[in-house]
């Protein structure tokens, strides 16, 4: 009995595993993954893309999501999400996404936590119908834009 064919598969699998683990996701990747998790009401997955403090905020957001009717939830799940802008400064980043359900740009704040980009949310950003927050049919909280005018733009990038 020869194990040589199996060793090739193990080698390929190990190589893929090691290279995928060593690559850190960009702020844009984290923002899209977070938005897609929120879009599917997969809040446990969304928490993996969020800071430790933001994970509690996501738990509260899940309560609001449970109160949505099926038409609102379907609209959110069918929305297209695209990145319209991003900006990175040291250990902080902002990613502006456009989702077709709310037809509004939403600014996500990210920070590096243990070397990985994480979404940073505040309680005020998730309370529906509160000044400065996203509408209830929005996928994720809206955040005030930074005053700095320099930015990197990814026009038309969608996933």
N, C-alpha and C. Protein backbone atom coordinates (compact mmCIF):
# COMPACT_ATOMS: atom_id res chain seq x y z
N UNK A 1 0.84 -1.18 0.00
CA UNK A 1 0.00 0.00 0.00
C UNK A 1 0.89 1.25 0.00
N UNK A 2 0.66 2.11 -0.92
CA UNK A 2 1.49 3.31 -1.03
C UNK A 2 0.71 4.54 -0.56
N UNK A 3 1.40 5.42 0.13
CA UNK A 3 0.79 6.63 0.67
C UNK A 3 1.18 7.87 -0.13
N UNK A 4 1.95 7.70 -1.17
CA UNK A 4 2.46 8.82 -1.94
C UNK A 4 1.34 9.73 -2.49
N UNK A 5 0.28 9.20 -3.11
CA UNK A 5 -0.78 10.10 -3.60
C UNK A 5 -1.42 10.92 -2.48
N UNK A 6 -1.56 10.32 -1.32
CA UNK A 6 -2.16 11.04 -0.20
C UNK A 6 -1.24 12.14 0.31
N UNK A 7 0.06 11.91 0.26
CA UNK A 7 1.01 12.92 0.70
C UNK A 7 0.93 14.17 -0.17
N UNK A 8 0.71 13.99 -1.46
CA UNK A 8 0.57 15.15 -2.35
C UNK A 8 -0.64 15.99 -1.95
N UNK A 9 -1.77 15.33 -1.67
CA UNK A 9 -2.97 16.06 -1.25
C UNK A 9 -2.75 16.76 0.08
N UNK A 10 -2.09 16.09 0.99
CA UNK A 10 -1.81 16.69 2.30
C UNK A 10 -0.90 17.90 2.14
N UNK A 11 0.10 17.79 1.29
CA UNK A 11 1.03 18.90 1.05
C UNK A 11 0.28 20.10 0.46
N UNK A 12 -0.56 19.88 -0.53
CA UNK A 12 -1.32 20.98 -1.14
C UNK A 12 -2.25 21.61 -0.11
N UNK A 13 -2.95 20.79 0.65
CA UNK A 13 -3.86 21.30 1.67
C UNK A 13 -3.11 22.12 2.71
N UNK A 14 -1.99 21.61 3.18
CA UNK A 14 -1.20 22.32 4.19
C UNK A 14 -0.68 23.65 3.65
N UNK A 15 -0.25 23.66 2.40
CA UNK A 15 0.24 24.89 1.79
C UNK A 15 -0.87 25.93 1.70
N UNK A 16 -2.04 25.51 1.25
CA UNK A 16 -3.17 26.44 1.17
C UNK A 16 -3.57 26.96 2.54
N UNK A 17 -3.57 26.08 3.51
CA UNK A 17 -3.94 26.47 4.86
C UNK A 17 -2.96 27.50 5.42
N UNK A 18 -1.68 27.26 5.25
CA UNK A 18 -0.67 28.17 5.78
C UNK A 18 -0.70 29.52 5.07
N UNK A 19 -0.87 29.54 3.77
CA UNK A 19 -0.88 30.81 3.06
C UNK A 19 -2.15 31.60 3.35
N UNK A 20 -3.27 30.93 3.54
CA UNK A 20 -4.50 31.66 3.84
C UNK A 20 -4.48 32.23 5.25
N UNK A 21 -3.83 31.56 6.17
CA UNK A 21 -3.76 32.05 7.54
C UNK A 21 -2.80 33.22 7.68
N UNK A 22 -1.80 33.28 6.83
CA UNK A 22 -0.80 34.33 6.97
C UNK A 22 -1.25 35.64 6.35
N UNK A 23 -2.27 35.64 5.51
CA UNK A 23 -2.75 36.85 4.85
C UNK A 23 -3.77 37.53 5.75
N UNK A 24 -3.54 38.81 6.02
CA UNK A 24 -4.49 39.57 6.81
C UNK A 24 -5.45 40.27 5.87
N UNK A 25 -6.71 40.26 6.21
CA UNK A 25 -7.74 40.87 5.38
C UNK A 25 -7.60 42.39 5.40
N UNK A 26 -7.88 43.01 4.27
CA UNK A 26 -7.84 44.47 4.16
C UNK A 26 -9.08 45.06 4.83
N UNK A 27 -9.07 46.36 5.14
CA UNK A 27 -10.27 46.98 5.70
C UNK A 27 -11.50 46.79 4.80
N UNK A 28 -11.29 46.85 3.48
CA UNK A 28 -12.40 46.67 2.55
C UNK A 28 -12.97 45.26 2.64
N UNK A 29 -12.09 44.26 2.73
CA UNK A 29 -12.55 42.87 2.86
C UNK A 29 -13.35 42.68 4.15
N UNK A 30 -12.83 43.23 5.24
CA UNK A 30 -13.51 43.11 6.53
C UNK A 30 -14.88 43.79 6.47
N UNK A 31 -14.92 44.99 5.89
CA UNK A 31 -16.19 45.72 5.79
C UNK A 31 -17.22 44.94 4.98
N UNK A 32 -16.81 44.40 3.84
CA UNK A 32 -17.75 43.62 3.01
C UNK A 32 -18.20 42.35 3.72
N UNK A 33 -17.26 41.65 4.35
CA UNK A 33 -17.63 40.42 5.07
C UNK A 33 -18.59 40.73 6.22
N UNK A 34 -18.32 41.82 6.92
CA UNK A 34 -19.19 42.24 8.01
C UNK A 34 -20.59 42.57 7.49
N UNK A 35 -20.65 43.36 6.43
CA UNK A 35 -21.93 43.76 5.87
C UNK A 35 -22.72 42.55 5.36
N UNK A 36 -22.03 41.61 4.72
CA UNK A 36 -22.72 40.41 4.24
C UNK A 36 -23.25 39.58 5.41
N UNK A 37 -22.50 39.50 6.50
CA UNK A 37 -22.97 38.76 7.67
C UNK A 37 -24.20 39.44 8.27
N UNK A 38 -24.17 40.76 8.39
CA UNK A 38 -25.32 41.51 8.90
C UNK A 38 -26.51 41.31 7.96
N UNK A 39 -26.24 41.37 6.67
CA UNK A 39 -27.28 41.22 5.65
C UNK A 39 -28.02 39.89 5.80
N UNK A 40 -27.30 38.85 6.15
CA UNK A 40 -27.89 37.52 6.31
C UNK A 40 -28.36 37.24 7.74
N UNK A 41 -28.32 38.26 8.59
CA UNK A 41 -28.67 38.13 10.01
C UNK A 41 -27.81 37.09 10.71
N UNK A 42 -26.57 36.96 10.26
CA UNK A 42 -25.61 36.04 10.88
C UNK A 42 -24.75 36.86 11.84
N UNK A 43 -25.30 37.14 13.01
CA UNK A 43 -24.65 38.05 13.93
C UNK A 43 -23.44 37.44 14.62
N UNK A 44 -23.42 36.14 14.77
CA UNK A 44 -22.23 35.50 15.34
C UNK A 44 -21.04 35.68 14.40
N UNK A 45 -21.26 35.54 13.10
CA UNK A 45 -20.19 35.78 12.14
C UNK A 45 -19.81 37.26 12.12
N UNK A 46 -20.79 38.14 12.17
CA UNK A 46 -20.51 39.58 12.18
C UNK A 46 -19.62 39.95 13.36
N UNK A 47 -19.84 39.32 14.50
CA UNK A 47 -19.03 39.61 15.69
C UNK A 47 -17.56 39.27 15.47
N UNK A 48 -17.27 38.30 14.62
CA UNK A 48 -15.88 37.93 14.35
C UNK A 48 -15.14 39.04 13.61
N UNK A 49 -15.88 39.93 12.95
CA UNK A 49 -15.28 41.04 12.23
C UNK A 49 -15.30 42.33 13.04
N UNK A 50 -15.75 42.27 14.28
CA UNK A 50 -15.92 43.45 15.11
C UNK A 50 -14.98 43.44 16.31
N UNK A 51 -14.72 44.64 16.83
CA UNK A 51 -13.92 44.75 18.05
C UNK A 51 -14.68 44.11 19.20
N UNK A 52 -13.97 43.85 20.27
CA UNK A 52 -14.61 43.24 21.44
C UNK A 52 -15.75 44.11 21.96
N UNK A 53 -15.52 45.43 22.01
CA UNK A 53 -16.56 46.34 22.48
C UNK A 53 -17.77 46.34 21.55
N UNK A 54 -17.51 46.24 20.27
CA UNK A 54 -18.58 46.28 19.26
C UNK A 54 -19.43 45.02 19.26
N UNK A 55 -18.93 43.94 19.77
CA UNK A 55 -19.68 42.69 19.78
C UNK A 55 -20.95 42.82 20.61
N UNK A 56 -20.90 43.60 21.69
CA UNK A 56 -22.10 43.84 22.50
C UNK A 56 -23.11 44.69 21.73
N UNK A 57 -22.60 45.64 20.95
CA UNK A 57 -23.47 46.48 20.14
C UNK A 57 -24.18 45.63 19.09
N UNK A 58 -23.47 44.67 18.51
CA UNK A 58 -24.07 43.78 17.51
C UNK A 58 -25.18 42.94 18.14
N UNK A 59 -24.99 42.52 19.38
CA UNK A 59 -26.04 41.77 20.08
C UNK A 59 -27.31 42.61 20.22
N UNK A 60 -27.16 43.90 20.51
CA UNK A 60 -28.32 44.78 20.59
C UNK A 60 -28.93 44.99 19.20
N UNK A 61 -28.09 45.12 18.20
CA UNK A 61 -28.58 45.28 16.82
C UNK A 61 -29.42 44.07 16.42
N UNK A 62 -29.03 42.89 16.88
CA UNK A 62 -29.77 41.67 16.56
C UNK A 62 -31.20 41.74 17.10
N UNK A 63 -31.38 42.38 18.25
CA UNK A 63 -32.72 42.54 18.81
C UNK A 63 -33.58 43.40 17.89
N UNK A 64 -33.02 44.50 17.38
CA UNK A 64 -33.75 45.34 16.44
C UNK A 64 -34.05 44.58 15.15
N UNK A 65 -33.11 43.77 14.72
CA UNK A 65 -33.30 42.99 13.50
C UNK A 65 -34.46 42.00 13.66
N UNK A 66 -34.59 41.43 14.85
CA UNK A 66 -35.69 40.48 15.11
C UNK A 66 -37.06 41.15 14.98
N UNK A 67 -37.11 42.45 15.16
CA UNK A 67 -38.39 43.18 15.10
C UNK A 67 -38.78 43.58 13.68
N UNK A 68 -37.92 43.34 12.72
CA UNK A 68 -38.24 43.67 11.33
C UNK A 68 -39.27 42.69 10.79
N UNK A 69 -40.11 43.20 9.89
CA UNK A 69 -41.06 42.29 9.24
C UNK A 69 -40.35 41.56 8.10
N UNK A 70 -41.00 40.57 7.56
CA UNK A 70 -40.35 39.74 6.53
C UNK A 70 -40.04 40.52 5.27
N UNK A 71 -40.85 41.51 4.91
CA UNK A 71 -40.58 42.32 3.71
C UNK A 71 -39.30 43.13 3.88
N UNK A 72 -39.12 43.73 5.07
CA UNK A 72 -37.89 44.48 5.33
C UNK A 72 -36.67 43.56 5.29
N UNK A 73 -36.81 42.41 5.92
CA UNK A 73 -35.69 41.47 5.97
C UNK A 73 -35.33 40.97 4.56
N UNK A 74 -36.34 40.70 3.74
CA UNK A 74 -36.08 40.27 2.36
C UNK A 74 -35.38 41.37 1.56
N UNK A 75 -35.81 42.61 1.76
CA UNK A 75 -35.19 43.74 1.07
C UNK A 75 -33.71 43.84 1.43
N UNK A 76 -33.40 43.66 2.69
CA UNK A 76 -32.01 43.72 3.15
C UNK A 76 -31.20 42.57 2.56
N UNK A 77 -31.75 41.38 2.59
CA UNK A 77 -31.01 40.21 2.09
C UNK A 77 -30.74 40.28 0.60
N UNK A 78 -31.60 40.96 -0.14
CA UNK A 78 -31.44 41.06 -1.59
C UNK A 78 -30.61 42.27 -2.01
N UNK A 79 -30.21 43.09 -1.07
CA UNK A 79 -29.47 44.31 -1.39
C UNK A 79 -28.08 43.99 -1.94
N UNK A 80 -27.63 44.84 -2.84
CA UNK A 80 -26.25 44.76 -3.32
C UNK A 80 -25.42 45.71 -2.48
N UNK A 81 -24.23 45.26 -2.15
CA UNK A 81 -23.33 46.05 -1.32
C UNK A 81 -22.07 46.32 -2.12
N UNK A 82 -21.66 47.58 -2.17
CA UNK A 82 -20.43 47.92 -2.89
C UNK A 82 -19.62 48.93 -2.09
N UNK A 83 -18.33 48.87 -2.27
CA UNK A 83 -17.43 49.83 -1.64
C UNK A 83 -17.30 51.02 -2.56
N UNK A 84 -17.54 52.22 -2.02
CA UNK A 84 -17.40 53.42 -2.84
C UNK A 84 -16.19 54.25 -2.44
N UNK A 85 -15.63 53.99 -1.27
CA UNK A 85 -14.47 54.75 -0.82
C UNK A 85 -13.82 54.04 0.36
N UNK A 86 -12.54 54.26 0.52
CA UNK A 86 -11.86 53.77 1.72
C UNK A 86 -10.67 54.66 2.03
N UNK A 87 -10.33 54.69 3.30
CA UNK A 87 -9.24 55.52 3.77
C UNK A 87 -8.56 54.78 4.91
N UNK A 88 -7.25 54.76 4.89
CA UNK A 88 -6.48 54.05 5.92
C UNK A 88 -5.40 54.97 6.45
N UNK A 89 -5.34 55.10 7.78
CA UNK A 89 -4.31 55.90 8.44
C UNK A 89 -3.81 55.12 9.65
N UNK A 90 -2.65 54.52 9.51
CA UNK A 90 -2.08 53.77 10.61
C UNK A 90 -2.96 52.62 11.03
N UNK A 91 -3.40 52.64 12.30
CA UNK A 91 -4.24 51.58 12.85
C UNK A 91 -5.73 51.89 12.77
N UNK A 92 -6.10 52.90 11.98
CA UNK A 92 -7.50 53.25 11.81
C UNK A 92 -7.83 53.31 10.33
N UNK A 93 -9.06 52.96 10.00
CA UNK A 93 -9.51 53.01 8.61
C UNK A 93 -11.01 53.31 8.59
N UNK A 94 -11.44 53.85 7.47
CA UNK A 94 -12.86 54.02 7.21
C UNK A 94 -13.15 53.42 5.85
N UNK A 95 -14.29 52.78 5.75
CA UNK A 95 -14.74 52.20 4.48
C UNK A 95 -16.17 52.67 4.26
N UNK A 96 -16.40 53.31 3.13
CA UNK A 96 -17.74 53.76 2.78
C UNK A 96 -18.37 52.73 1.86
N UNK A 97 -19.51 52.22 2.27
CA UNK A 97 -20.22 51.22 1.47
C UNK A 97 -21.57 51.80 1.05
N UNK A 98 -22.04 51.33 -0.07
CA UNK A 98 -23.36 51.69 -0.56
C UNK A 98 -24.17 50.41 -0.60
N UNK A 99 -25.33 50.44 0.05
CA UNK A 99 -26.20 49.27 -0.05
C UNK A 99 -27.50 49.70 -0.70
N UNK A 100 -27.96 48.87 -1.61
CA UNK A 100 -29.12 49.23 -2.42
C UNK A 100 -30.43 49.21 -1.64
N UNK A 101 -30.47 48.62 -0.44
CA UNK A 101 -31.73 48.60 0.31
C UNK A 101 -32.05 49.97 0.90
N UNK A 102 -31.05 50.69 1.36
CA UNK A 102 -31.30 52.01 1.94
C UNK A 102 -30.96 53.13 0.96
N UNK A 103 -30.24 52.79 -0.11
CA UNK A 103 -29.81 53.77 -1.11
C UNK A 103 -29.01 54.90 -0.48
N UNK A 104 -28.28 54.58 0.58
CA UNK A 104 -27.45 55.56 1.26
C UNK A 104 -26.05 55.00 1.45
N UNK A 105 -25.10 55.91 1.46
CA UNK A 105 -23.73 55.51 1.78
C UNK A 105 -23.62 55.38 3.30
N UNK A 106 -22.92 54.37 3.72
CA UNK A 106 -22.71 54.14 5.15
C UNK A 106 -21.21 54.06 5.40
N UNK A 107 -20.76 54.77 6.40
CA UNK A 107 -19.35 54.82 6.74
C UNK A 107 -19.07 53.88 7.90
N UNK A 108 -18.19 52.93 7.68
CA UNK A 108 -17.79 51.99 8.73
C UNK A 108 -16.41 52.37 9.23
N UNK A 109 -16.28 52.45 10.54
CA UNK A 109 -15.00 52.73 11.18
C UNK A 109 -14.33 51.40 11.50
N UNK A 110 -13.04 51.29 11.23
CA UNK A 110 -12.28 50.08 11.55
C UNK A 110 -11.04 50.47 12.33
N UNK A 111 -10.62 49.57 13.21
CA UNK A 111 -9.38 49.72 13.95
C UNK A 111 -8.64 48.39 13.92
N UNK A 112 -7.34 48.47 14.10
CA UNK A 112 -6.57 47.23 14.18
C UNK A 112 -6.61 46.73 15.61
N UNK A 113 -6.97 45.46 15.74
CA UNK A 113 -7.02 44.81 17.04
C UNK A 113 -6.23 43.52 16.91
N UNK A 114 -5.14 43.41 17.63
CA UNK A 114 -4.24 42.25 17.54
C UNK A 114 -3.77 42.03 16.10
N UNK A 115 -3.49 43.13 15.40
CA UNK A 115 -2.96 43.05 14.04
C UNK A 115 -3.98 42.80 12.95
N UNK A 116 -5.27 42.71 13.31
CA UNK A 116 -6.31 42.47 12.31
C UNK A 116 -7.32 43.61 12.32
N UNK A 117 -7.81 43.95 11.13
CA UNK A 117 -8.82 45.00 11.02
C UNK A 117 -10.14 44.51 11.59
N UNK A 118 -10.77 45.37 12.41
CA UNK A 118 -12.06 45.05 13.03
C UNK A 118 -12.99 46.26 12.91
N UNK A 119 -14.27 45.99 12.74
CA UNK A 119 -15.30 47.03 12.70
C UNK A 119 -15.48 47.58 14.11
N UNK A 120 -15.56 48.91 14.22
CA UNK A 120 -15.77 49.56 15.50
C UNK A 120 -17.12 50.29 15.48
N UNK A 121 -18.05 49.84 16.32
CA UNK A 121 -19.40 50.41 16.38
C UNK A 121 -19.63 51.05 17.74
N UNK A 122 -20.59 51.98 17.77
CA UNK A 122 -21.03 52.56 19.03
C UNK A 122 -22.51 52.27 19.22
N UNK A 123 -22.97 52.32 20.45
CA UNK A 123 -24.38 52.08 20.74
C UNK A 123 -25.27 53.09 20.02
N UNK A 124 -24.84 54.35 19.98
CA UNK A 124 -25.63 55.39 19.33
C UNK A 124 -25.83 55.13 17.84
N UNK A 125 -24.89 54.43 17.23
CA UNK A 125 -24.96 54.21 15.79
C UNK A 125 -25.98 53.15 15.38
N UNK A 126 -26.51 52.39 16.33
CA UNK A 126 -27.45 51.33 15.95
C UNK A 126 -28.88 51.60 16.36
N UNK A 127 -29.13 52.65 17.14
CA UNK A 127 -30.48 52.91 17.62
C UNK A 127 -31.29 53.52 16.49
N UNK A 128 -32.32 52.81 16.00
CA UNK A 128 -33.13 53.33 14.89
C UNK A 128 -33.82 54.64 15.25
N UNK A 129 -33.96 55.50 14.23
CA UNK A 129 -34.67 56.77 14.34
C UNK A 129 -34.06 57.73 15.34
N UNK A 130 -32.83 57.52 15.68
CA UNK A 130 -32.12 58.43 16.56
C UNK A 130 -31.28 59.36 15.69
N UNK A 131 -31.11 60.63 16.06
CA UNK A 131 -30.32 61.54 15.22
C UNK A 131 -28.93 60.98 14.93
N UNK A 132 -28.55 61.02 13.66
CA UNK A 132 -27.22 60.57 13.26
C UNK A 132 -27.09 59.08 13.08
N UNK A 133 -28.20 58.37 13.02
CA UNK A 133 -28.11 56.93 12.84
C UNK A 133 -28.79 56.50 11.56
N UNK A 134 -28.60 55.25 11.22
CA UNK A 134 -29.13 54.69 9.98
C UNK A 134 -30.62 54.41 10.12
N UNK A 135 -31.35 54.42 9.01
CA UNK A 135 -32.76 54.04 9.05
C UNK A 135 -32.91 52.56 9.35
N UNK A 136 -34.12 52.13 9.72
CA UNK A 136 -34.32 50.74 10.12
C UNK A 136 -34.17 49.76 8.98
N UNK A 137 -34.25 50.20 7.72
CA UNK A 137 -34.05 49.26 6.62
C UNK A 137 -32.61 49.22 6.16
N UNK A 138 -31.74 49.85 6.90
CA UNK A 138 -30.32 49.86 6.56
C UNK A 138 -29.67 48.60 7.09
N UNK A 139 -28.57 48.21 6.45
CA UNK A 139 -27.88 47.00 6.86
C UNK A 139 -27.02 47.21 8.09
N UNK A 140 -26.34 48.32 8.17
CA UNK A 140 -25.41 48.56 9.26
C UNK A 140 -25.49 50.03 9.65
N UNK A 141 -24.95 50.36 10.80
CA UNK A 141 -25.05 51.72 11.28
C UNK A 141 -24.30 52.73 10.42
N UNK A 142 -24.86 53.91 10.35
CA UNK A 142 -24.17 55.01 9.68
C UNK A 142 -23.33 55.74 10.71
N UNK A 143 -22.20 56.24 10.29
CA UNK A 143 -21.28 56.92 11.18
C UNK A 143 -20.90 58.23 10.52
N UNK A 144 -20.66 59.27 11.32
CA UNK A 144 -20.26 60.56 10.76
C UNK A 144 -18.97 60.44 9.97
N UNK A 145 -18.89 61.18 8.88
CA UNK A 145 -17.69 61.19 8.05
C UNK A 145 -16.57 61.94 8.75
N UNK A 146 -15.32 61.48 8.58
CA UNK A 146 -14.20 62.21 9.17
C UNK A 146 -14.00 63.53 8.43
N UNK A 147 -13.38 64.51 9.11
CA UNK A 147 -13.20 65.82 8.50
C UNK A 147 -12.06 65.85 7.50
N UNK A 148 -11.17 64.87 7.52
CA UNK A 148 -10.04 64.83 6.59
C UNK A 148 -10.54 64.58 5.18
N UNK A 149 -10.05 65.35 4.22
CA UNK A 149 -10.54 65.22 2.85
C UNK A 149 -9.73 64.27 2.00
N UNK A 150 -8.58 63.81 2.48
CA UNK A 150 -7.78 62.89 1.66
C UNK A 150 -8.35 61.49 1.80
N UNK A 151 -8.47 60.80 0.66
CA UNK A 151 -9.03 59.45 0.69
C UNK A 151 -8.60 58.69 -0.53
N UNK A 152 -8.69 57.37 -0.41
CA UNK A 152 -8.48 56.48 -1.54
C UNK A 152 -9.85 56.06 -2.01
N UNK A 153 -10.03 55.98 -3.30
CA UNK A 153 -11.34 55.65 -3.84
C UNK A 153 -11.28 54.38 -4.65
N UNK A 154 -12.26 53.52 -4.41
CA UNK A 154 -12.48 52.32 -5.22
C UNK A 154 -13.84 52.49 -5.88
N UNK A 155 -13.90 53.17 -6.99
CA UNK A 155 -15.17 53.38 -7.67
C UNK A 155 -15.63 52.10 -8.31
N UNK A 156 -16.89 51.77 -8.09
CA UNK A 156 -17.50 50.66 -8.79
C UNK A 156 -17.12 49.28 -8.31
N UNK A 157 -16.38 49.15 -7.23
CA UNK A 157 -16.01 47.83 -6.73
C UNK A 157 -17.19 47.27 -5.96
N UNK A 158 -17.68 46.15 -6.38
CA UNK A 158 -18.80 45.53 -5.67
C UNK A 158 -18.57 44.05 -5.54
N UNK A 159 -19.23 43.49 -4.53
CA UNK A 159 -19.12 42.05 -4.25
C UNK A 159 -20.47 41.50 -3.95
